[in-house]
């Protein structure tokens, strides 16, 4: 299940969402294509 990023993390470049993993922790979902095309 993909969820929106928590409010404090929204706007961070390179992340598109978050997912809860089996042990209850949150894993951030990286926007690989977005990172490739960025000027950073």
N, C-alpha and C. Protein backbone atom coordinates (compact mmCIF):
# COMPACT_ATOMS: atom_id res chain seq x y z
N UNK A 1 0.84 -1.16 0.00
CA UNK A 1 0.00 0.00 0.00
C UNK A 1 0.89 1.24 0.00
N UNK A 2 0.63 2.14 -0.92
CA UNK A 2 1.38 3.39 -0.99
C UNK A 2 0.53 4.50 -0.37
N UNK A 3 1.16 5.28 0.49
CA UNK A 3 0.47 6.39 1.16
C UNK A 3 1.18 7.69 0.83
N UNK A 4 0.45 8.78 1.00
CA UNK A 4 1.08 10.10 0.84
C UNK A 4 2.14 10.27 1.91
N UNK A 5 3.11 11.10 1.61
CA UNK A 5 4.14 11.41 2.60
C UNK A 5 3.53 12.18 3.76
N UNK A 6 4.05 11.99 4.96
CA UNK A 6 3.60 12.81 6.08
C UNK A 6 3.84 14.29 5.77
N UNK A 7 3.04 15.15 6.34
CA UNK A 7 3.10 16.59 6.05
C UNK A 7 4.52 17.14 6.18
N UNK A 8 5.25 16.73 7.19
CA UNK A 8 6.60 17.25 7.43
C UNK A 8 7.57 16.87 6.31
N UNK A 9 7.27 15.81 5.55
CA UNK A 9 8.19 15.35 4.50
C UNK A 9 7.74 15.73 3.10
N UNK A 10 6.56 16.28 2.96
CA UNK A 10 6.08 16.68 1.63
C UNK A 10 6.96 17.78 1.08
N UNK A 11 7.18 17.74 -0.19
CA UNK A 11 8.02 18.76 -0.82
C UNK A 11 9.48 18.37 -0.91
N UNK A 12 9.86 17.26 -0.29
CA UNK A 12 11.24 16.80 -0.43
C UNK A 12 11.45 16.31 -1.86
N UNK A 13 12.46 16.78 -2.54
CA UNK A 13 12.68 16.33 -3.91
C UNK A 13 13.10 14.86 -3.94
N UNK A 14 12.58 14.13 -4.91
CA UNK A 14 12.99 12.76 -5.10
C UNK A 14 12.14 11.71 -4.43
N UNK A 15 11.16 12.10 -3.64
CA UNK A 15 10.30 11.13 -2.96
C UNK A 15 8.86 11.32 -3.42
N UNK A 16 8.18 10.20 -3.71
CA UNK A 16 6.81 10.29 -4.22
C UNK A 16 5.77 9.75 -3.25
N UNK A 17 6.18 9.03 -2.24
CA UNK A 17 5.23 8.47 -1.29
C UNK A 17 5.93 7.64 -0.25
N UNK A 18 5.13 6.89 0.49
CA UNK A 18 5.66 6.03 1.54
C UNK A 18 4.84 4.76 1.60
N UNK A 19 5.42 3.72 2.13
CA UNK A 19 4.73 2.45 2.29
C UNK A 19 5.05 1.89 3.66
N UNK A 20 4.06 1.28 4.28
CA UNK A 20 4.31 0.60 5.55
C UNK A 20 4.82 -0.79 5.24
N UNK A 21 5.95 -1.15 5.84
CA UNK A 21 6.50 -2.49 5.62
C UNK A 21 6.04 -3.42 6.74
N UNK A 22 6.33 -4.68 6.62
CA UNK A 22 5.79 -5.71 7.49
C UNK A 22 5.93 -5.48 8.98
N UNK A 23 7.00 -4.84 9.41
CA UNK A 23 7.20 -4.64 10.85
C UNK A 23 6.62 -3.31 11.34
N UNK A 24 5.88 -2.60 10.46
CA UNK A 24 5.22 -1.37 10.86
C UNK A 24 6.00 -0.10 10.58
N UNK A 25 7.23 -0.22 10.14
CA UNK A 25 8.02 0.97 9.83
C UNK A 25 7.62 1.53 8.47
N UNK A 26 7.94 2.79 8.25
CA UNK A 26 7.64 3.44 6.99
C UNK A 26 8.86 3.41 6.09
N UNK A 27 8.65 3.04 4.83
CA UNK A 27 9.72 3.08 3.83
C UNK A 27 9.37 4.15 2.81
N UNK A 28 10.30 5.04 2.54
CA UNK A 28 10.07 6.09 1.55
C UNK A 28 10.22 5.52 0.15
N UNK A 29 9.40 5.99 -0.77
CA UNK A 29 9.44 5.55 -2.16
C UNK A 29 10.13 6.64 -2.97
N UNK A 30 11.22 6.25 -3.61
CA UNK A 30 12.07 7.19 -4.34
C UNK A 30 11.58 7.31 -5.79
N UNK A 31 11.57 8.52 -6.31
CA UNK A 31 11.24 8.79 -7.70
C UNK A 31 12.54 8.77 -8.50
N UNK A 32 12.92 7.59 -8.97
CA UNK A 32 14.21 7.42 -9.65
C UNK A 32 14.27 8.26 -10.93
N UNK A 33 13.21 8.23 -11.73
CA UNK A 33 13.21 9.01 -12.97
C UNK A 33 13.32 10.51 -12.67
N UNK A 34 12.65 10.96 -11.63
CA UNK A 34 12.72 12.36 -11.25
C UNK A 34 14.12 12.75 -10.81
N UNK A 35 14.79 11.87 -10.09
CA UNK A 35 16.16 12.16 -9.66
C UNK A 35 17.12 12.20 -10.84
N UNK A 36 16.90 11.31 -11.80
CA UNK A 36 17.76 11.29 -12.98
C UNK A 36 17.65 12.57 -13.79
N UNK A 37 16.43 13.09 -13.88
CA UNK A 37 16.22 14.27 -14.73
C UNK A 37 16.42 15.59 -14.00
N UNK A 38 16.71 15.54 -12.71
CA UNK A 38 16.90 16.78 -11.96
C UNK A 38 18.28 17.36 -12.24
N UNK A 39 18.45 18.61 -11.89
CA UNK A 39 19.73 19.29 -12.10
C UNK A 39 20.70 19.09 -10.95
N UNK A 40 20.41 18.24 -10.01
CA UNK A 40 21.25 18.05 -8.82
C UNK A 40 22.35 17.06 -9.10
